[in-house]
Every structure is written in C-alpha cells, then in structure tokens.
Protein backbone atom coordinates (compact mmCIF):
# COMPACT_ATOMS: atom_id res chain seq x y z
CA MET A 1 -11.98 -10.75 2.97
CA ARG A 2 -8.57 -10.73 3.77
CA THR A 3 -7.15 -7.19 3.97
CA LEU A 4 -3.64 -5.68 2.76
CA VAL A 5 -1.79 -3.29 4.95
CA LEU A 6 0.77 -1.33 3.45
CA ARG A 7 3.12 0.93 6.02
CA THR A 8 5.59 3.29 5.01
CA ALA A 9 7.57 5.33 7.65
CA LEU A 10 7.77 9.24 7.31
CA THR A 11 10.40 11.72 8.99
CA VAL A 12 9.96 14.81 10.86
CA LEU A 13 13.09 16.90 10.85
CA LEU A 14 12.86 18.94 13.90
CA SER A 15 15.30 22.40 14.48
CA LEU A 16 16.96 22.48 17.93
CA GLY A 17 18.62 25.16 19.48
CA GLY A 18 22.35 24.49 20.92
CA GLY A 19 25.22 22.49 20.29
CA VAL A 20 27.59 19.43 21.43
CA THR A 21 31.22 19.20 21.18
CA LEU A 22 32.50 17.39 18.15
CA ALA A 23 36.15 15.99 17.76
CA HIS A 24 37.42 19.28 15.97
CA ALA A 25 35.35 21.99 16.37
CA GLN A 26 34.06 23.36 20.06
CA LEU A 27 30.13 23.91 19.55
CA GLY A 28 29.37 24.51 22.78
CA GLY A 29 29.70 28.31 23.19
CA LEU A 30 28.78 29.07 19.42
CA GLY A 31 25.07 28.91 19.41
CA SER A 32 24.87 32.60 18.20
CA ILE A 33 26.45 31.41 14.69
CA PRO A 34 23.61 31.75 12.16
CA SER A 35 23.33 28.59 9.86
CA GLY A 36 23.45 29.09 6.45
CA SER A 37 23.31 25.30 5.50
CA GLN A 38 20.69 22.71 5.07
CA LEU A 39 20.59 19.07 5.46
CA THR A 40 18.66 17.17 2.90
CA LEU A 41 17.83 13.30 3.29
CA GLU A 42 18.24 10.24 1.30
CA PRO A 43 15.50 8.45 1.17
CA PRO A 44 13.38 11.40 1.79
CA TYR A 45 11.23 9.56 4.21
CA PRO A 46 13.10 7.11 6.08
CA GLY A 47 11.72 4.46 8.05
CA PRO A 48 12.39 3.07 12.04
CA GLY A 49 15.78 1.06 11.60
CA GLU A 50 16.03 2.43 8.24
CA GLU A 51 19.52 3.27 6.89
CA VAL A 52 19.57 7.46 5.78
CA THR A 53 22.41 9.37 4.11
CA ILE A 54 22.31 13.28 5.13
CA THR A 55 23.92 15.63 2.86
CA LEU A 56 25.05 18.93 3.74
CA GLU A 57 23.99 21.65 0.98
CA SER A 58 25.21 25.41 1.54
CA LEU A 59 25.13 28.64 -0.44
CA ARG A 60 27.00 30.31 1.70
CA HIS A 61 29.83 28.63 2.13
CA GLU A 62 32.36 26.49 -0.13
CA LEU A 63 32.09 23.24 1.53
CA GLY A 64 34.67 21.33 -0.55
CA GLY A 65 37.49 22.61 0.87
CA SER A 66 35.77 23.18 4.15
CA PHE A 67 36.78 20.89 7.41
CA ILE A 68 33.22 19.75 8.39
CA SER A 69 32.63 17.60 12.06
CA TRP A 70 29.45 15.60 12.46
CA ALA A 71 28.19 14.23 15.71
CA VAL A 72 25.04 11.67 16.10
CA ASP A 73 23.52 12.02 19.55
CA GLY A 74 26.34 13.84 20.94
CA GLU A 75 29.19 11.48 19.96
CA PRO A 76 31.83 12.09 17.25
CA VAL A 77 31.36 10.15 14.49
CA ARG A 78 33.12 12.13 11.21
CA SER A 79 35.09 14.83 10.45
CA GLY A 80 37.79 15.88 7.47
CA VAL A 81 37.92 18.32 4.46
CA GLY A 82 34.97 18.36 2.26
CA GLU A 83 33.03 15.34 4.31
CA THR A 84 29.56 16.77 3.09
CA THR A 85 27.66 13.46 3.80
CA LEU A 86 26.83 11.28 6.76
CA THR A 87 24.95 7.67 6.89
CA VAL A 88 23.20 6.84 9.78
CA THR A 89 20.72 3.93 11.03
CA LEU A 90 17.37 5.42 12.57
CA GLY A 91 16.25 3.92 15.55
CA GLU A 92 12.58 2.85 15.90
CA ALA A 93 9.51 5.00 15.61
CA ASP A 94 9.40 8.06 17.81
CA GLU A 95 13.00 7.72 18.76
CA ARG A 96 14.82 10.57 17.94
CA THR A 97 18.39 10.88 16.27
CA ARG A 98 20.16 14.26 16.63
CA ILE A 99 22.57 15.25 13.96
CA ASP A 100 25.06 17.95 14.57
CA TYR A 101 27.38 19.74 11.89
CA ALA A 102 29.72 22.33 12.15
CA VAL A 103 31.60 23.80 9.26
CA GLU A 104 35.58 25.28 9.85
CA VAL A 105 37.20 27.52 7.46
CA GLY A 106 41.02 28.48 8.53
CA GLY A 107 40.39 27.32 11.98
CA ARG A 108 37.28 29.23 12.69
CA VAL A 109 33.81 27.77 12.80
CA VAL A 110 31.78 29.79 10.29
CA ASP A 111 28.82 27.39 10.35
CA GLN A 112 26.65 25.01 12.50
CA GLY A 113 23.70 23.24 13.22
CA THR A 114 21.54 20.97 14.84
CA ARG A 115 18.73 18.73 13.60
CA VAL A 116 16.79 15.84 14.92
CA ILE A 117 15.48 12.88 12.73
CA GLN A 118 12.39 11.31 13.70
CA PRO A 119 10.83 8.43 11.78
CA ILE A 120 6.93 8.78 12.04
CA GLY A 121 4.81 5.77 11.31
CA LEU A 122 1.99 6.16 8.94
CA THR A 123 0.26 3.30 7.21
CA LEU A 124 -2.46 2.64 4.86
CA ILE A 125 -4.62 -0.19 4.77
CA TRP A 126 -6.61 -1.12 1.74
CA GLU A 127 -9.72 -3.73 1.68
CA PRO A 128 -11.16 -4.29 -2.24
CA LEU A 129 -14.75 -4.62 -1.83
CA THR A 130 -15.13 -7.62 -4.51
CA TYR A 131 -16.14 -10.95 -3.85
CA THR A 132 -14.08 -14.62 -2.98
CA PRO A 133 -15.36 -17.47 -1.53
CA HIS A 134 -15.48 -17.64 2.14
CA PHE A 135 -12.73 -20.23 2.75
CA TYR A 136 -10.51 -18.82 0.05
CA ARG A 137 -7.22 -18.05 2.18
CA GLY A 138 -6.16 -15.56 -0.62
CA ARG A 139 -6.75 -11.66 -0.64
CA ALA A 140 -9.10 -9.99 -2.31
CA GLN A 141 -8.09 -8.39 -5.54
CA HIS A 142 -8.93 -4.74 -6.57
CA THR A 143 -10.68 -4.67 -10.45
CA THR A 144 -11.76 -2.08 -12.62
CA TYR A 145 -14.33 -0.10 -11.57
CA SER A 146 -14.74 -1.80 -8.42
CA SER A 147 -14.67 -0.19 -5.09
CA VAL A 148 -11.63 0.03 -2.26
CA ARG A 149 -11.83 1.04 1.24
CA LEU A 150 -8.76 2.82 2.30
CA ILE A 151 -7.80 3.39 5.91
CA ALA A 152 -5.06 5.83 7.22
CA VAL A 153 -3.71 5.05 10.75
CA PRO A 154 -0.97 7.86 11.62
CA GLU A 155 1.47 7.34 14.56
CA LEU A 156 2.51 11.22 14.49
CA ALA A 157 4.16 12.79 17.46
CA ASP A 158 4.87 16.69 18.82
CA ALA A 159 8.29 18.11 19.10
CA ALA A 160 7.83 16.90 22.93
CA GLY A 161 7.13 13.15 21.57
CA ASN A 162 3.53 13.36 22.84
CA PRO A 163 1.17 11.31 20.35
CA ILE A 164 -0.88 13.59 18.14
CA ASP A 165 -4.83 11.92 18.29
CA PRO A 166 -5.38 11.22 14.81
CA ALA A 167 -9.01 12.66 15.24
CA THR A 168 -7.35 15.88 15.15
CA LEU A 169 -5.20 15.74 12.46
CA ASN A 170 -5.88 16.98 8.76
CA TYR A 171 -6.11 14.08 5.72
CA THR A 172 -5.64 15.29 2.30
CA TRP A 173 -6.50 12.26 -0.05
CA ARG A 174 -5.52 12.10 -4.04
CA VAL A 175 -6.16 9.53 -6.55
CA GLY A 176 -3.53 10.17 -9.20
CA PRO A 177 -3.61 14.03 -9.68
CA LYS A 178 -7.06 14.52 -8.57
CA ARG A 179 -7.51 15.70 -5.23
CA LEU A 180 -10.79 14.09 -3.29
CA ALA A 181 -11.66 17.58 -1.77
CA GLN A 182 -15.24 16.23 -0.44
CA GLN A 183 -13.29 12.81 1.17
CA SER A 184 -10.38 15.21 2.50
CA GLY A 185 -10.48 16.92 6.03
CA VAL A 186 -9.62 16.66 9.44
CA GLY A 187 -10.30 13.27 10.82
CA ARG A 188 -11.08 11.86 7.32
CA ARG A 189 -9.16 8.64 7.90
CA ALA A 190 -11.29 6.40 6.13
CA ILE A 191 -12.77 6.67 2.34
CA GLU A 192 -14.18 4.48 -0.34
CA VAL A 193 -12.86 5.12 -3.84
CA THR A 194 -13.64 3.45 -7.35
CA ARG A 195 -11.36 3.17 -9.99
CA SER A 196 -13.37 4.60 -12.94
CA GLY A 197 -11.88 3.20 -15.94
CA TYR A 198 -8.94 1.42 -17.93
CA GLY A 199 -5.37 3.53 -18.26
CA GLU A 200 -6.34 5.32 -15.05
CA ASN A 201 -3.56 5.76 -12.68
CA PHE A 202 -4.67 4.32 -9.43
CA GLY A 203 -1.79 5.98 -7.08
CA ILE A 204 -2.77 6.99 -4.12
CA THR A 205 -1.44 9.78 -2.39
CA LEU A 206 -2.12 10.57 1.54
CA SER A 207 -0.82 13.92 3.35
CA VAL A 208 -1.67 14.20 7.25
CA SER A 209 -0.71 17.41 8.87
CA SER A 210 -1.36 18.62 12.11
CA PRO A 211 -2.38 22.06 11.92
CA GLU A 212 -1.43 22.59 15.82
CA THR A 213 2.38 21.31 15.68
CA GLY A 214 2.91 21.60 11.92
CA VAL A 215 3.96 18.12 11.71
CA ASN A 216 3.26 16.53 8.29
CA ALA A 217 3.55 13.13 6.65
CA ARG A 218 2.74 11.91 2.98
CA LEU A 219 3.18 8.53 1.64
CA TYR A 220 2.35 7.12 -1.88
CA GLN A 221 1.23 3.80 -2.72
CA GLU A 222 -0.08 2.29 -6.24
CA LEU A 223 -2.81 0.04 -5.68
CA PRO A 224 -2.33 -3.24 -8.31
CA VAL A 225 -5.38 -3.95 -10.37
CA ALA A 226 -6.60 -7.38 -11.06
CA GLU A 227 -8.75 -9.02 -13.77
CA PRO A 228 -12.21 -10.91 -12.51
CA GLU A 229 -11.98 -14.85 -13.16
CA VAL A 230 -14.15 -17.53 -12.89
CA LEU A 231 -12.77 -21.04 -11.38
CA PHE A 232 -14.64 -24.25 -11.15
CA TYR A 233 -15.23 -26.68 -8.15
CA GLU A 234 -16.69 -30.26 -7.75
CA TYR A 235 -19.97 -29.61 -5.69
CA ASP A 236 -21.14 -32.78 -3.39
CA PRO A 237 -24.52 -32.63 -1.74
CA LEU A 238 -22.96 -34.10 1.33
CA LEU A 239 -19.83 -31.93 1.86
CA GLY A 240 -20.60 -29.58 -0.32
CA ILE A 241 -18.20 -27.56 -2.07
CA ARG A 242 -14.74 -29.03 -2.29
CA TYR A 243 -12.81 -26.27 -2.41
CA ASN A 244 -9.62 -28.87 -2.49
CA ARG A 245 -10.74 -30.09 -5.90
CA LEU A 246 -10.29 -27.24 -8.75
CA LEU A 247 -11.70 -28.58 -11.87
CA THR A 248 -9.89 -28.17 -15.21
CA GLY A 249 -12.17 -30.92 -16.80
CA VAL A 250 -15.19 -33.40 -16.02
CA GLN A 251 -15.88 -36.93 -16.63
CA ILE A 252 -19.61 -37.50 -15.69
CA GLU A 253 -19.79 -41.37 -14.28
CA ASP A 254 -22.74 -43.32 -13.09
CA ARG A 255 -23.58 -41.01 -10.48
CA GLY A 256 -23.80 -37.85 -12.21
CA PHE A 257 -21.96 -34.96 -11.67
CA SER A 258 -22.15 -31.45 -9.95
CA LEU A 259 -20.21 -28.10 -10.05
CA VAL A 260 -20.12 -25.01 -8.83
CA ALA A 261 -18.45 -21.76 -11.11
CA GLU A 262 -16.91 -19.57 -8.18
CA PRO A 263 -16.49 -16.00 -9.02
CA PHE A 264 -13.38 -14.01 -8.00
CA THR A 265 -13.21 -10.25 -7.39
CA TYR A 266 -16.19 -9.17 -8.89
CA GLY A 267 -17.35 -6.27 -7.54
CA THR A 268 -20.47 -7.80 -5.56
CA ALA A 269 -20.82 -8.77 -2.16
CA GLN A 270 -21.73 -12.33 -2.80
CA ARG A 271 -21.83 -15.07 -5.46
CA ASP A 272 -25.94 -15.19 -5.88
CA ASP A 273 -26.00 -11.15 -6.18
CA SER A 274 -28.83 -10.30 -8.78
CA ARG A 275 -26.02 -8.27 -10.40
CA LEU A 276 -24.48 -11.23 -12.26
CA GLN A 277 -25.65 -12.46 -15.11
CA TRP A 278 -24.97 -16.18 -15.95
CA ASN A 279 -24.46 -17.50 -19.74
CA TRP A 280 -24.09 -21.39 -19.79
CA GLU A 281 -23.51 -23.13 -22.77
CA LEU A 282 -22.81 -27.35 -23.67
CA ALA A 283 -22.13 -27.93 -27.05
CA GLY A 284 -23.24 -24.97 -28.31
CA GLU A 285 -26.74 -25.20 -26.61
CA PRO A 286 -27.87 -22.67 -23.80
CA LEU A 287 -28.20 -23.96 -20.34
CA ASP A 288 -30.63 -22.51 -17.62
CA ALA A 289 -28.74 -22.21 -14.27
CA ASP A 290 -26.93 -19.73 -11.92
CA ALA A 291 -23.76 -20.99 -10.32
CA PHE A 292 -24.32 -24.34 -9.75
CA LEU A 293 -24.62 -27.01 -12.78
CA GLN A 294 -25.68 -30.46 -12.01
CA PHE A 295 -25.21 -32.98 -14.65
CA SER A 296 -27.24 -36.63 -14.55
CA SER A 297 -25.72 -40.21 -15.22
CA PRO A 298 -25.64 -41.18 -18.93
CA GLU A 299 -27.99 -43.91 -20.10
CA SER A 300 -26.50 -47.10 -20.50
CA GLY A 301 -25.33 -47.64 -24.20
CA GLU A 302 -24.96 -44.37 -24.98
CA ALA A 303 -21.47 -43.56 -26.57
CA THR A 304 -18.78 -41.64 -24.89
CA THR A 305 -19.33 -37.70 -25.74
CA ARG A 306 -16.75 -34.99 -25.82
CA ALA A 307 -18.28 -31.46 -25.52
CA ALA A 308 -17.17 -27.98 -24.17
CA LEU A 309 -19.08 -26.27 -20.96
CA ARG A 310 -18.87 -22.69 -21.48
CA LEU A 311 -19.74 -19.83 -19.09
CA GLU A 312 -19.52 -16.14 -19.71
CA LEU A 313 -20.30 -14.31 -16.36
CA THR A 314 -21.40 -10.62 -16.77
CA ASP A 315 -21.49 -8.30 -14.17
CA ARG A 316 -24.68 -5.89 -14.85
CA GLU A 317 -23.57 -3.20 -13.51
CA SER A 318 -19.77 -2.96 -14.39
CA ILE A 319 -19.42 -4.32 -18.17
CA THR A 320 -15.20 -4.71 -18.13
CA HIS A 321 -16.63 -7.64 -14.88
CA ARG A 322 -17.12 -9.93 -17.84
CA THR A 323 -15.23 -13.73 -18.04
CA ARG A 324 -15.50 -16.31 -20.54
CA THR A 325 -14.45 -19.49 -19.52
CA THR A 326 -14.46 -23.11 -20.76
CA LEU A 327 -14.60 -26.39 -19.07
CA PRO A 328 -14.36 -29.89 -21.50
CA ILE A 329 -16.62 -32.11 -20.43
CA GLN A 330 -16.61 -35.97 -21.41
CA TYR A 331 -19.96 -38.02 -20.58
C-alpha cells in the first residue's frame, strides 16, 4: 500500500524592533515612531522558495499620496509615491526574510515597521486503509465508508529559530466543519477518520499551535474519493497470479483456464476477508466460488459457446462497496 504525502508550508510573521536605513528614509533613529499599518500576504501561507506579494495597509495614513520605502534583509529594493506592494521570493524552510518599510509625508517619516516572514513546513501524510494487491504499484485510494490514517509532520520553530518539539504542539483536526474534539489535543499527531456518507465534504483542516511560543500553522486538504472496482487476472498454477495479464475476455482452450478477481480499494485488509461476499454467475447460472475461478477444458466435439461471466462483490459491512463486473467467456 502506497502512502500519499501532501505537503504545504505555512508562514509565521514575527514582529521585531529596530530599523534599517532605506534609500529615501533614514530609519535608524526613529524606532519610537508607532506603526499604524499592517502587512498582508498573498498567498497567506507562502512556502519555502515561493513568491509572495506583501501589501501595506493603513487606517491612519493616506498611502496613495505618501512616499513609501521598502528594504529586504537590510537592502533597499523599492521606493516611490503610493508603492504599497512588494513582491519577494522566500528562502528555504526556516530561513527568515526581513521586510522593512517606511512611510513619508512631506519629507517626514510618519510610520515605519519591520516584519520577518518565516516559512514553516507542515506536512500531512494520509494513508487510505483499503485493499490493493501486494504487487500493485499504484496508490491505494480512499472510498466512501472506508477509513484513512492521517499523520501530521510539523516543522515549527520559535522566534530564535529553534525547532519546536512536535510532541508539545496542540493539534486541532476538522473534517469539513466538524471539529474532532476527541482526536484533537497536545501531541495528537496521528488519527484515523472515516468518511461516513455520500455528499459529505471530506476536507481535512489541521491547525497546529505552540502554547508556549504563540507560533501557529494551518493547512487544508480535500481528500479525493474513489469508487471500488474489481479487475480480472489470469491465474497460473505454477506462476501464480499474472498481474501483467489483465483480462477483458477469456477463451477457454483444451487445457482449461483459471482466473482471479482482485478487489481494489475495498475497505478490507486482504482479498479473502470474510467481509467480502462473492456472487458469481455464468450464463445466468450461479457459481460457488470466492476470488478464484477455474474452468475445465471443454469436451471434444462441443460447439463453441459464448456467455457472460458476472460477479457481484459486496462488502457486508459497507453496502456502498458493491461492484458488478462482467467478463465475456468463450468455450
């Protein structure tokens, strides 16, 4: 069973004191000027190496007619009248980018501020608890009424850049709008959830916070939902299941023929789970068999017959996991 890793990066904004010298405004000696502005980010949670647009907003000053200066990591990068936005490319995870700004009106600095943008990694690993054959190279899919294991892998750091122990973080899990109170809490990095019905929003929201440092991170991921299916493969008594031979029809020759029906993404741990009910029909007549079906060689002189082999496979614990499949047979 393959595991899907979904990674998103969150951003922490840290307020720092002090200032730098910009191209137009001298900030070094103006640390006492209160900031009446705020910076917003787009996207709100940029990741490592991602381009982010920073917008300066103020309720105190008319920014459209003000002279605004910007610096990144101490280097002046942009200035001019009404320059309220700045686009920068962030560094690697946990590498800080310092943004300084100053607002001038009539040659006098009326507002200034410093922010540090620190990308922080938050990874969501999700593993559907559904069946796929052992040698299947694809990924197990999540289906209605089946369970999925969710694992959070945070990489948060405090203001000094020190990693925060994931075991000390508070994890809040939501499925759609519903908060999973019993599965949330300090150190609750791994949970199992079940999609309980059709039409249900199966978006996962994870919020991670550090009560001691005030650092917060958040991600949202919509989990895709697949439908279970059954595929037929040739079975050889010596070679076993021949997964390189997907059957779309069968012609039974003198030596007979055997096949196996493989369920994909059913909510069981194995193919021979007692939860699975196998209902076979050949030309309308029921057959007593499970996943494996063997056809004997036709008798000499018999006319060629074409018929439909039908299988209805049902998960007794999840009636929505029911698949009807037909395979043409010639013998």
